[in-house]
Amino acid sequence: MIQVESRKTFKHGFVLTEAELRRIVDNISEQFQKLGETPSITYKMTFRNGVIADTNSLDEVLSQENIGSGQIISLGIRYREAEPEDITALDDTKMLHGTSVLLQFIDVDVEEEPGYLAIRFLIRGQSRDWVFVTSTILEERVTKIKRFAPNQISSKGPSGALFRFAIPLLVMLSLVAGVFTSIRDMSKTHPGTILEESWKSGKVKDPIEAIIMAEKLRDEALIRKNSFLYFVTPLAFMVGILLVVLLIAYFFDRYYPAYNFCWGDYVEVFQRKESRRKFILVVLVVGVLVSFVGGVLANMLHRGP
């Protein structure tokens, strides 16, 4: 009989709660029951401290403290028609022919195994319709728990290449913009420009006065050119951009966990990070809006009626 297979991988993050995990287990078990089979289910957990545990009980998985060194960083679930020969192996290469499902959730920020795939599943069966329906059910469940992860744009592939190209490009454009701004400001303060504007506006009428003013302006321009700030300003501009990027990266790394096994004591940690991130973002947005509105009102008052 023909063996049918379906593989899916996902780079995005996830918020896997107890309720969602139970739904996934129930949905796949119901699919096996449609075949008149009761699957053997094995759970494989990897903890932050490197310990690996296997169990056949979902309640035992959900009873873990799931925090600190005991935080879950990887969870594999395997469904089979019969008891597996080796319950410690959740590797699809060791799955024999027959009806089986392998589902894995991985915290790729912590897991030592390099890669960007946070969720993956492998479905095998002898019925094409059964494999297709089961794959669709799993995709729908994964969609409900998906969460944006920075690895989605920094990983391999077209999106990753675009991201890696865009960052240097943005830095270069910012630097070019800063240089052009400096050149424009310098042109406005050039002695010839200032003298010409003063002559056109009628502030300077006497030629002797114009010569004296030109000499003073040349001296001021020479002082500015040789000043410390003249050389430091472009460097400070670039350092400022770098610091802003690093602060944004630190903020999201600390308050935006992308891969979450939300049960046990970790639930409180996750909710605390979520509330703090939202509060900080609201404060920043309000601050920017207040500054913008204040600037607009100040300009209107300065112009007058």
C-alpha atoms as a PDB file:
ATOM      1  CA  MET A   1       0.000   0.000   0.000  1.00  0.00           C
ATOM      2  CA  ILE A   2       1.233   3.525  -0.780  1.00  0.00           C
ATOM      3  CA  GLN A   3       2.647   5.517   2.124  1.00  0.00           C
ATOM      4  CA  VAL A   4       1.486   9.172   2.093  1.00  0.00           C
ATOM      5  CA  GLU A   5       3.427  11.896   3.879  1.00  0.00           C
ATOM      6  CA  SER A   6       2.968  15.586   4.752  1.00  0.00           C
ATOM      7  CA  ARG A   7       5.690  17.832   6.185  1.00  0.00           C
ATOM      8  CA  LYS A   8       5.323  21.427   7.351  1.00  0.00           C
ATOM      9  CA  THR A   9       7.763  23.808   9.031  1.00  0.00           C
ATOM     10  CA  PHE A  10       7.160  27.246  10.544  1.00  0.00           C
ATOM     11  CA  LYS A  11       9.657  29.970  11.458  1.00  0.00           C
ATOM     12  CA  HIS A  12       7.246  32.173  13.406  1.00  0.00           C
ATOM     13  CA  GLY A  13       7.009  32.136  17.192  1.00  0.00           C
ATOM     14  CA  PHE A  14       4.192  30.727  19.272  1.00  0.00           C
ATOM     15  CA  VAL A  15       2.245  31.095  22.499  1.00  0.00           C
ATOM     16  CA  LEU A  16       1.350  27.509  23.343  1.00  0.00           C
ATOM     17  CA  THR A  17      -1.053  27.533  26.281  1.00  0.00           C
ATOM     18  CA  GLU A  18      -2.390  24.563  28.231  1.00  0.00           C
ATOM     19  CA  ALA A  19      -5.784  24.915  26.553  1.00  0.00           C
ATOM     20  CA  GLU A  20      -4.281  24.990  23.042  1.00  0.00           C
ATOM     21  CA  LEU A  21      -2.024  22.022  23.751  1.00  0.00           C
ATOM     22  CA  ARG A  22      -4.990  19.972  24.951  1.00  0.00           C
ATOM     23  CA  ARG A  23      -6.949  20.910  21.823  1.00  0.00           C
ATOM     24  CA  ILE A  24      -4.073  19.803  19.594  1.00  0.00           C
ATOM     25  CA  VAL A  25      -3.792  16.463  21.399  1.00  0.00           C
ATOM     26  CA  ASP A  26      -7.552  15.918  21.258  1.00  0.00           C
ATOM     27  CA  ASN A  27      -7.800  16.854  17.564  1.00  0.00           C
ATOM     28  CA  ILE A  28      -5.089  14.419  16.496  1.00  0.00           C
ATOM     29  CA  SER A  29      -6.467  11.679  18.734  1.00  0.00           C
ATOM     30  CA  GLU A  30      -9.878  12.161  17.110  1.00  0.00           C
ATOM     31  CA  GLN A  31      -8.245  11.744  13.701  1.00  0.00           C
ATOM     32  CA  PHE A  32      -6.817   8.389  14.764  1.00  0.00           C
ATOM     33  CA  GLN A  33     -10.193   7.340  16.139  1.00  0.00           C
ATOM     34  CA  LYS A  34     -11.674   7.895  12.675  1.00  0.00           C
ATOM     35  CA  LEU A  35      -9.374   5.101  11.543  1.00  0.00           C
ATOM     36  CA  GLY A  36     -10.638   2.920  14.364  1.00  0.00           C
ATOM     37  CA  GLU A  37      -7.325   3.209  16.211  1.00  0.00           C
ATOM     38  CA  THR A  38      -6.242   4.427  19.627  1.00  0.00           C
ATOM     39  CA  PRO A  39      -2.823   6.038  19.197  1.00  0.00           C
ATOM     40  CA  SER A  40       0.129   5.654  21.504  1.00  0.00           C
ATOM     41  CA  ILE A  41       1.205   9.193  22.469  1.00  0.00           C
ATOM     42  CA  THR A  42       4.704  10.021  23.675  1.00  0.00           C
ATOM     43  CA  TYR A  43       5.839  13.441  24.928  1.00  0.00           C
ATOM     44  CA  LYS A  44       9.487  14.452  24.927  1.00  0.00           C
ATOM     45  CA  MET A  45      10.506  17.551  26.898  1.00  0.00           C
ATOM     46  CA  THR A  46      13.858  19.336  26.847  1.00  0.00           C
ATOM     47  CA  PHE A  47      14.557  21.720  29.732  1.00  0.00           C
ATOM     48  CA  ARG A  48      16.812  24.765  29.909  1.00  0.00           C
ATOM     49  CA  ASN A  49      19.318  22.882  32.102  1.00  0.00           C
ATOM     50  CA  GLY A  50      19.738  20.254  29.369  1.00  0.00           C
ATOM     51  CA  VAL A  51      17.646  17.524  31.008  1.00  0.00           C
ATOM     52  CA  ILE A  52      15.474  15.484  28.638  1.00  0.00           C
ATOM     53  CA  ALA A  53      12.339  13.749  29.904  1.00  0.00           C
ATOM     54  CA  ASP A  54       9.867  11.406  28.226  1.00  0.00           C
ATOM     55  CA  THR A  55       6.357  10.595  29.357  1.00  0.00           C
ATOM     56  CA  ASN A  56       3.076   9.218  28.073  1.00  0.00           C
ATOM     57  CA  SER A  57       0.978  11.556  30.254  1.00  0.00           C
ATOM     58  CA  LEU A  58      -0.134  14.998  29.111  1.00  0.00           C
ATOM     59  CA  ASP A  59      -0.982  15.923  32.716  1.00  0.00           C
ATOM     60  CA  GLU A  60       2.612  15.228  33.686  1.00  0.00           C
ATOM     61  CA  VAL A  61       3.798  17.608  30.961  1.00  0.00           C
ATOM     62  CA  LEU A  62       1.461  20.349  32.180  1.00  0.00           C
ATOM     63  CA  SER A  63       2.392  19.794  35.844  1.00  0.00           C
ATOM     64  CA  GLN A  64       6.004  20.931  35.281  1.00  0.00           C
ATOM     65  CA  GLU A  65       7.099  24.130  37.071  1.00  0.00           C
ATOM     66  CA  ASN A  66       8.366  25.415  33.707  1.00  0.00           C
ATOM     67  CA  ILE A  67      10.556  28.214  35.042  1.00  0.00           C
ATOM     68  CA  GLY A  68      14.239  28.909  35.617  1.00  0.00           C
ATOM     69  CA  SER A  69      16.528  25.974  34.868  1.00  0.00           C
ATOM     70  CA  GLY A  70      13.425  23.783  34.645  1.00  0.00           C
ATOM     71  CA  GLN A  71      11.854  25.863  31.889  1.00  0.00           C
ATOM     72  CA  ILE A  72      10.725  23.842  28.871  1.00  0.00           C
ATOM     73  CA  ILE A  73      12.543  24.852  25.682  1.00  0.00           C
ATOM     74  CA  SER A  74      11.403  22.028  23.430  1.00  0.00           C
ATOM     75  CA  LEU A  75       8.358  19.783  23.316  1.00  0.00           C
ATOM     76  CA  GLY A  76       7.901  16.869  20.937  1.00  0.00           C
ATOM     77  CA  ILE A  77       4.692  14.881  20.581  1.00  0.00           C
ATOM     78  CA  ARG A  78       4.532  11.598  18.709  1.00  0.00           C
ATOM     79  CA  TYR A  79       1.421   9.622  17.826  1.00  0.00           C
ATOM     80  CA  ARG A  80       1.720   6.040  16.665  1.00  0.00           C
ATOM     81  CA  GLU A  81      -0.572   3.102  16.022  1.00  0.00           C
ATOM     82  CA  ALA A  82       1.334   1.017  18.579  1.00  0.00           C
ATOM     83  CA  GLU A  83       3.940   1.517  21.302  1.00  0.00           C
ATOM     84  CA  PRO A  84       7.188   2.882  19.818  1.00  0.00           C
ATOM     85  CA  GLU A  85      10.284   0.736  20.036  1.00  0.00           C
ATOM     86  CA  ASP A  86      12.260   3.637  21.497  1.00  0.00           C
ATOM     87  CA  ILE A  87      10.220   6.281  23.312  1.00  0.00           C
ATOM     88  CA  THR A  88      13.301   8.519  23.729  1.00  0.00           C
ATOM     89  CA  ALA A  89      13.508   9.020  19.979  1.00  0.00           C
ATOM     90  CA  LEU A  90      11.265  11.659  18.484  1.00  0.00           C
ATOM     91  CA  ASP A  91      13.210  11.734  15.275  1.00  0.00           C
ATOM     92  CA  ASP A  92      11.202  11.341  12.094  1.00  0.00           C
ATOM     93  CA  THR A  93      13.978   9.204  10.602  1.00  0.00           C
ATOM     94  CA  LYS A  94      13.175   6.522  13.179  1.00  0.00           C
ATOM     95  CA  MET A  95       9.456   6.504  12.544  1.00  0.00           C
ATOM     96  CA  LEU A  96       8.467   3.258  10.876  1.00  0.00           C
ATOM     97  CA  HIS A  97       5.919   2.836   8.125  1.00  0.00           C
ATOM     98  CA  GLY A  98       2.319   3.124   9.218  1.00  0.00           C
ATOM     99  CA  THR A  99       0.075   5.866  10.539  1.00  0.00           C
ATOM    100  CA  SER A 100       2.019   8.309  12.693  1.00  0.00           C
ATOM    101  CA  VAL A 101       2.273  12.006  13.540  1.00  0.00           C
ATOM    102  CA  LEU A 102       5.299  13.886  14.833  1.00  0.00           C
ATOM    103  CA  LEU A 103       4.839  17.435  16.155  1.00  0.00           C
ATOM    104  CA  GLN A 104       7.583  19.613  17.662  1.00  0.00           C
ATOM    105  CA  PHE A 105       7.675  23.042  19.295  1.00  0.00           C
ATOM    106  CA  ILE A 106      11.148  24.553  19.780  1.00  0.00           C
ATOM    107  CA  ASP A 107      12.377  27.712  21.508  1.00  0.00           C
ATOM    108  CA  VAL A 108      15.077  28.464  18.943  1.00  0.00           C
ATOM    109  CA  ASP A 109      16.429  31.349  21.033  1.00  0.00           C
ATOM    110  CA  VAL A 110      17.496  28.922  23.760  1.00  0.00           C
ATOM    111  CA  GLU A 111      17.823  25.532  22.096  1.00  0.00           C
ATOM    112  CA  GLU A 112      21.470  24.725  21.372  1.00  0.00           C
ATOM    113  CA  GLU A 113      20.622  23.112  18.057  1.00  0.00           C
ATOM    114  CA  PRO A 114      21.137  25.837  15.433  1.00  0.00           C
ATOM    115  CA  GLY A 115      18.159  26.662  13.252  1.00  0.00           C
ATOM    116  CA  TYR A 116      15.181  28.907  12.761  1.00  0.00           C
ATOM    117  CA  LEU A 117      12.344  26.381  12.631  1.00  0.00           C
ATOM    118  CA  ALA A 118      10.204  26.789  15.733  1.00  0.00           C
ATOM    119  CA  ILE A 119       7.356  24.451  14.769  1.00  0.00           C
ATOM    120  CA  ARG A 120       7.337  21.439  12.516  1.00  0.00           C
ATOM    121  CA  PHE A 121       5.220  18.401  11.975  1.00  0.00           C
ATOM    122  CA  LEU A 122       5.387  15.205   9.970  1.00  0.00           C
ATOM    123  CA  ILE A 123       2.286  13.138   9.167  1.00  0.00           C
ATOM    124  CA  ARG A 124       2.426   9.676   7.643  1.00  0.00           C
ATOM    125  CA  GLY A 125      -0.437   7.397   6.710  1.00  0.00           C
ATOM    126  CA  GLN A 126      -1.841   5.097   4.103  1.00  0.00           C
ATOM    127  CA  SER A 127      -4.835   7.309   3.332  1.00  0.00           C
ATOM    128  CA  ARG A 128      -4.203  10.468   1.342  1.00  0.00           C
ATOM    129  CA  ASP A 129      -7.435  12.055   2.550  1.00  0.00           C
ATOM    130  CA  TRP A 130      -6.611  11.303   6.188  1.00  0.00           C
ATOM    131  CA  VAL A 131      -3.123  12.803   5.884  1.00  0.00           C
ATOM    132  CA  PHE A 132      -4.493  15.891   4.113  1.00  0.00           C
ATOM    133  CA  VAL A 133      -7.230  16.520   6.699  1.00  0.00           C
ATOM    134  CA  THR A 134      -4.867  15.944   9.625  1.00  0.00           C
ATOM    135  CA  SER A 135      -2.319  18.331   8.111  1.00  0.00           C
ATOM    136  CA  THR A 136      -5.006  20.978   7.633  1.00  0.00           C
ATOM    137  CA  ILE A 137      -6.151  20.620  11.250  1.00  0.00           C
ATOM    138  CA  LEU A 138      -2.608  21.034  12.546  1.00  0.00           C
ATOM    139  CA  GLU A 139      -2.004  24.093  10.348  1.00  0.00           C
ATOM    140  CA  GLU A 140      -5.176  25.706  11.691  1.00  0.00           C
ATOM    141  CA  ARG A 141      -4.108  25.043  15.288  1.00  0.00           C
ATOM    142  CA  VAL A 142      -0.616  26.407  14.615  1.00  0.00           C
ATOM    143  CA  THR A 143      -2.127  29.550  13.079  1.00  0.00           C
ATOM    144  CA  LYS A 144      -4.079  30.209  16.286  1.00  0.00           C
ATOM    145  CA  ILE A 145      -0.926  30.225  18.423  1.00  0.00           C
ATOM    146  CA  LYS A 146       1.442  31.972  15.994  1.00  0.00           C
ATOM    147  CA  ARG A 147       3.452  34.973  17.149  1.00  0.00           C
ATOM    148  CA  PHE A 148       5.841  37.191  15.232  1.00  0.00           C
ATOM    149  CA  ALA A 149       9.488  36.303  15.828  1.00  0.00           C
ATOM    150  CA  PRO A 150      12.571  38.313  14.764  1.00  0.00           C
ATOM    151  CA  ASN A 151      14.032  35.081  13.372  1.00  0.00           C
ATOM    152  CA  GLN A 152      11.414  35.256  10.640  1.00  0.00           C
ATOM    153  CA  ILE A 153      13.232  38.178   9.017  1.00  0.00           C
ATOM    154  CA  SER A 154      16.810  37.357   9.985  1.00  0.00           C
ATOM    155  CA  SER A 155      16.824  33.731   8.875  1.00  0.00           C
ATOM    156  CA  LYS A 156      17.764  32.197   5.577  1.00  0.00           C
ATOM    157  CA  GLY A 157      15.694  32.796   2.488  1.00  0.00           C
ATOM    158  CA  PRO A 158      14.404  35.876   0.608  1.00  0.00           C
ATOM    159  CA  SER A 159      13.019  37.630   3.696  1.00  0.00           C
ATOM    160  CA  GLY A 160      16.261  37.123   5.603  1.00  0.00           C
ATOM    161  CA  ALA A 161      18.347  38.375   2.678  1.00  0.00           C
ATOM    162  CA  LEU A 162      16.138  41.457   2.389  1.00  0.00           C
ATOM    163  CA  PHE A 163      16.488  42.132   6.114  1.00  0.00           C
ATOM    164  CA  ARG A 164      20.281  41.732   6.092  1.00  0.00           C
ATOM    165  CA  PHE A 165      20.485  44.054   3.089  1.00  0.00           C
ATOM    166  CA  ALA A 166      18.055  46.613   4.508  1.00  0.00           C
ATOM    167  CA  ILE A 167      19.884  47.203   7.809  1.00  0.00           C
ATOM    168  CA  PRO A 168      23.223  48.297   6.267  1.00  0.00           C
ATOM    169  CA  LEU A 169      21.284  50.270   3.668  1.00  0.00           C
ATOM    170  CA  LEU A 170      19.335  52.159   6.324  1.00  0.00           C
ATOM    171  CA  VAL A 171      22.517  52.919   8.251  1.00  0.00           C
ATOM    172  CA  MET A 172      24.209  54.143   5.067  1.00  0.00           C
ATOM    173  CA  LEU A 173      21.213  56.299   4.113  1.00  0.00           C
ATOM    174  CA  SER A 174      21.137  57.781   7.611  1.00  0.00           C
ATOM    175  CA  LEU A 175      24.823  58.608   7.355  1.00  0.00           C
ATOM    176  CA  VAL A 176      24.386  60.161   3.902  1.00  0.00           C
ATOM    177  CA  ALA A 177      21.416  62.168   5.170  1.00  0.00           C
ATOM    178  CA  GLY A 178      23.521  63.424   8.067  1.00  0.00           C
ATOM    179  CA  VAL A 179      26.354  64.429   5.728  1.00  0.00           C
ATOM    180  CA  PHE A 180      24.008  66.267   3.367  1.00  0.00           C
ATOM    181  CA  THR A 181      22.403  68.021   6.317  1.00  0.00           C
ATOM    182  CA  SER A 182      25.811  69.131   7.527  1.00  0.00           C
ATOM    183  CA  ILE A 183      26.749  70.340   4.020  1.00  0.00           C
ATOM    184  CA  ARG A 184      23.477  72.249   3.746  1.00  0.00           C
ATOM    185  CA  ASP A 185      23.989  73.866   7.128  1.00  0.00           C
ATOM    186  CA  MET A 186      27.568  74.724   6.189  1.00  0.00           C
ATOM    187  CA  SER A 187      26.402  76.311   2.945  1.00  0.00           C
ATOM    188  CA  LYS A 188      23.962  78.462   4.861  1.00  0.00           C
ATOM    189  CA  THR A 189      26.752  79.651   7.157  1.00  0.00           C
ATOM    190  CA  HIS A 190      29.279  80.196   4.332  1.00  0.00           C
ATOM    191  CA  PRO A 191      30.717  83.756   4.483  1.00  0.00           C
ATOM    192  CA  GLY A 192      29.773  84.504   0.869  1.00  0.00           C
ATOM    193  CA  THR A 193      26.181  83.343   1.397  1.00  0.00           C
ATOM    194  CA  ILE A 194      25.714  85.366   4.571  1.00  0.00           C
ATOM    195  CA  LEU A 195      27.287  88.453   3.027  1.00  0.00           C
ATOM    196  CA  GLU A 196      25.113  88.164  -0.086  1.00  0.00           C
ATOM    197  CA  GLU A 197      21.938  87.800   1.949  1.00  0.00           C
ATOM    198  CA  SER A 198      22.897  90.760   4.127  1.00  0.00           C
ATOM    199  CA  TRP A 199      23.573  92.872   1.025  1.00  0.00           C
ATOM    200  CA  LYS A 200      20.249  91.932  -0.582  1.00  0.00           C
ATOM    201  CA  SER A 201      18.309  92.605   2.605  1.00  0.00           C
ATOM    202  CA  GLY A 202      19.896  96.003   2.999  1.00  0.00           C
ATOM    203  CA  LYS A 203      21.624  95.250   6.274  1.00  0.00           C
ATOM    204  CA  VAL A 204      25.003  95.984   4.722  1.00  0.00           C
ATOM    205  CA  LYS A 205      25.301  98.961   2.350  1.00  0.00           C
ATOM    206  CA  ASP A 206      28.779 100.356   2.829  1.00  0.00           C
ATOM    207  CA  PRO A 207      31.585  98.476   0.931  1.00  0.00           C
ATOM    208  CA  ILE A 208      34.051  98.976   3.814  1.00  0.00           C
ATOM    209  CA  GLU A 209      31.504  97.521   6.224  1.00  0.00           C
ATOM    210  CA  ALA A 210      31.009  94.594   3.855  1.00  0.00           C
ATOM    211  CA  ILE A 211      34.765  93.881   3.731  1.00  0.00           C
ATOM    212  CA  ILE A 212      35.028  93.931   7.524  1.00  0.00           C
ATOM    213  CA  MET A 213      32.001  91.649   7.837  1.00  0.00           C
ATOM    214  CA  ALA A 214      33.477  89.229   5.280  1.00  0.00           C
ATOM    215  CA  GLU A 215      36.738  88.980   7.224  1.00  0.00           C
ATOM    216  CA  LYS A 216      34.890  88.287  10.464  1.00  0.00           C
ATOM    217  CA  LEU A 217      32.778  85.638   8.803  1.00  0.00           C
ATOM    218  CA  ARG A 218      35.888  83.942   7.360  1.00  0.00           C
ATOM    219  CA  ASP A 219      37.484  83.858  10.809  1.00  0.00           C
ATOM    220  CA  GLU A 220      34.321  82.335  12.325  1.00  0.00           C
ATOM    221  CA  ALA A 221      34.138  79.734   9.549  1.00  0.00           C
ATOM    222  CA  LEU A 222      37.786  78.772  10.102  1.00  0.00           C
ATOM    223  CA  ILE A 223      37.174  78.373  13.840  1.00  0.00           C
ATOM    224  CA  ARG A 224      34.141  76.177  13.196  1.00  0.00           C
ATOM    225  CA  LYS A 225      36.063  74.069  10.694  1.00  0.00           C
ATOM    226  CA  ASN A 226      38.883  73.433  13.135  1.00  0.00           C
ATOM    227  CA  SER A 227      36.620  72.943  16.120  1.00  0.00           C
ATOM    228  CA  PHE A 228      36.246  69.608  17.885  1.00  0.00           C
ATOM    229  CA  LEU A 229      32.495  69.463  17.287  1.00  0.00           C
ATOM    230  CA  TYR A 230      33.003  69.739  13.538  1.00  0.00           C
ATOM    231  CA  PHE A 231      34.642  66.306  13.521  1.00  0.00           C
ATOM    232  CA  VAL A 232      32.679  64.731  16.375  1.00  0.00           C
ATOM    233  CA  THR A 233      29.159  65.542  15.149  1.00  0.00           C
ATOM    234  CA  PRO A 234      29.020  62.955  12.284  1.00  0.00           C
ATOM    235  CA  LEU A 235      30.521  60.297  14.569  1.00  0.00           C
ATOM    236  CA  ALA A 236      28.029  61.124  17.318  1.00  0.00           C
ATOM    237  CA  PHE A 237      25.229  60.874  14.779  1.00  0.00           C
ATOM    238  CA  MET A 238      26.265  57.336  13.783  1.00  0.00           C
ATOM    239  CA  VAL A 239      26.785  56.255  17.403  1.00  0.00           C
ATOM    240  CA  GLY A 240      23.343  57.611  18.259  1.00  0.00           C
ATOM    241  CA  ILE A 241      21.705  55.527  15.510  1.00  0.00           C
ATOM    242  CA  LEU A 242      23.574  52.434  16.705  1.00  0.00           C
ATOM    243  CA  LEU A 243      22.501  53.007  20.318  1.00  0.00           C
ATOM    244  CA  VAL A 244      18.857  53.398  19.278  1.00  0.00           C
ATOM    245  CA  VAL A 245      18.993  50.118  17.324  1.00  0.00           C
ATOM    246  CA  LEU A 246      20.628  48.320  20.272  1.00  0.00           C
ATOM    247  CA  LEU A 247      18.051  49.710  22.721  1.00  0.00           C
ATOM    248  CA  ILE A 248      15.187  48.555  20.511  1.00  0.00           C
ATOM    249  CA  ALA A 249      16.761  45.091  20.194  1.00  0.00           C
ATOM    250  CA  TYR A 250      17.274  44.890  23.971  1.00  0.00           C
ATOM    251  CA  PHE A 251      13.725  46.026  24.666  1.00  0.00           C
ATOM    252  CA  PHE A 252      12.128  43.356  22.481  1.00  0.00           C
ATOM    253  CA  ASP A 253      14.548  40.681  23.655  1.00  0.00           C
ATOM    254  CA  ARG A 254      13.603  41.382  27.273  1.00  0.00           C
ATOM    255  CA  TYR A 255       9.893  42.098  26.989  1.00  0.00           C
ATOM    256  CA  TYR A 256       8.829  40.211  23.871  1.00  0.00           C
ATOM    257  CA  PRO A 257       9.384  36.457  24.272  1.00  0.00           C
ATOM    258  CA  ALA A 258       8.665  34.885  20.903  1.00  0.00           C
ATOM    259  CA  TYR A 259       8.552  31.205  21.902  1.00  0.00           C
ATOM    260  CA  ASN A 260       6.351  30.408  24.850  1.00  0.00           C
ATOM    261  CA  PHE A 261       5.203  27.242  26.594  1.00  0.00           C
ATOM    262  CA  CYS A 262       2.535  28.953  28.680  1.00  0.00           C
ATOM    263  CA  TRP A 263       1.727  26.749  31.645  1.00  0.00           C
ATOM    264  CA  GLY A 264       3.045  26.309  35.150  1.00  0.00           C
ATOM    265  CA  ASP A 265       4.909  29.212  36.776  1.00  0.00           C
ATOM    266  CA  TYR A 266       5.900  30.586  33.380  1.00  0.00           C
ATOM    267  CA  VAL A 267       2.379  31.972  32.877  1.00  0.00           C
ATOM    268  CA  GLU A 268       3.000  34.694  35.465  1.00  0.00           C
ATOM    269  CA  VAL A 269       6.394  35.551  33.911  1.00  0.00           C
ATOM    270  CA  PHE A 270       4.857  35.810  30.439  1.00  0.00           C
ATOM    271  CA  GLN A 271       1.956  37.999  31.573  1.00  0.00           C
ATOM    272  CA  ARG A 272       4.308  40.319  33.453  1.00  0.00           C
ATOM    273  CA  LYS A 273       6.518  40.832  30.400  1.00  0.00           C
ATOM    274  CA  GLU A 274       3.492  41.425  28.198  1.00  0.00           C
ATOM    275  CA  SER A 275       2.026  44.085  30.511  1.00  0.00           C
ATOM    276  CA  ARG A 276       5.364  45.884  30.890  1.00  0.00           C
ATOM    277  CA  ARG A 277       5.966  45.973  27.147  1.00  0.00           C
ATOM    278  CA  LYS A 278       2.511  47.356  26.450  1.00  0.00           C
ATOM    279  CA  PHE A 279       2.881  49.976  29.181  1.00  0.00           C
ATOM    280  CA  ILE A 280       6.262  51.163  27.878  1.00  0.00           C
ATOM    281  CA  LEU A 281       5.001  51.321  24.286  1.00  0.00           C
ATOM    282  CA  VAL A 282       1.917  53.297  25.331  1.00  0.00           C
ATOM    283  CA  VAL A 283       4.086  55.756  27.283  1.00  0.00           C
ATOM    284  CA  LEU A 284       6.411  56.200  24.286  1.00  0.00           C
ATOM    285  CA  VAL A 285       3.553  56.694  21.828  1.00  0.00           C
ATOM    286  CA  VAL A 286       1.827  59.203  24.111  1.00  0.00           C
ATOM    287  CA  GLY A 287       5.136  61.021  24.622  1.00  0.00           C
ATOM    288  CA  VAL A 288       5.742  61.289  20.883  1.00  0.00           C
ATOM    289  CA  LEU A 289       2.186  62.525  20.255  1.00  0.00           C
ATOM    290  CA  VAL A 290       2.445  65.123  23.033  1.00  0.00           C
ATOM    291  CA  SER A 291       5.790  66.352  21.653  1.00  0.00           C
ATOM    292  CA  PHE A 292       4.383  66.563  18.133  1.00  0.00           C
ATOM    293  CA  VAL A 293       1.229  68.412  19.171  1.00  0.00           C
ATOM    294  CA  GLY A 294       3.259  70.698  21.436  1.00  0.00           C
ATOM    295  CA  GLY A 295       5.626  71.497  18.585  1.00  0.00           C
ATOM    296  CA  VAL A 296       2.742  72.287  16.231  1.00  0.00           C
ATOM    297  CA  LEU A 297       1.056  74.555  18.786  1.00  0.00           C
ATOM    298  CA  ALA A 298       4.340  76.303  19.550  1.00  0.00           C
ATOM    299  CA  ASN A 299       4.890  77.036  15.856  1.00  0.00           C
ATOM    300  CA  MET A 300       1.329  78.354  15.515  1.00  0.00           C
ATOM    301  CA  LEU A 301       1.734  80.632  18.510  1.00  0.00           C
ATOM    302  CA  HIS A 302       5.141  81.786  17.296  1.00  0.00           C
ATOM    303  CA  ARG A 303       3.760  82.768  13.883  1.00  0.00           C
ATOM    304  CA  GLY A 304       0.898  84.622  15.450  1.00  0.00           C
ATOM    305  CA  PRO A 305      -2.334  85.694  13.758  1.00  0.00           C
END
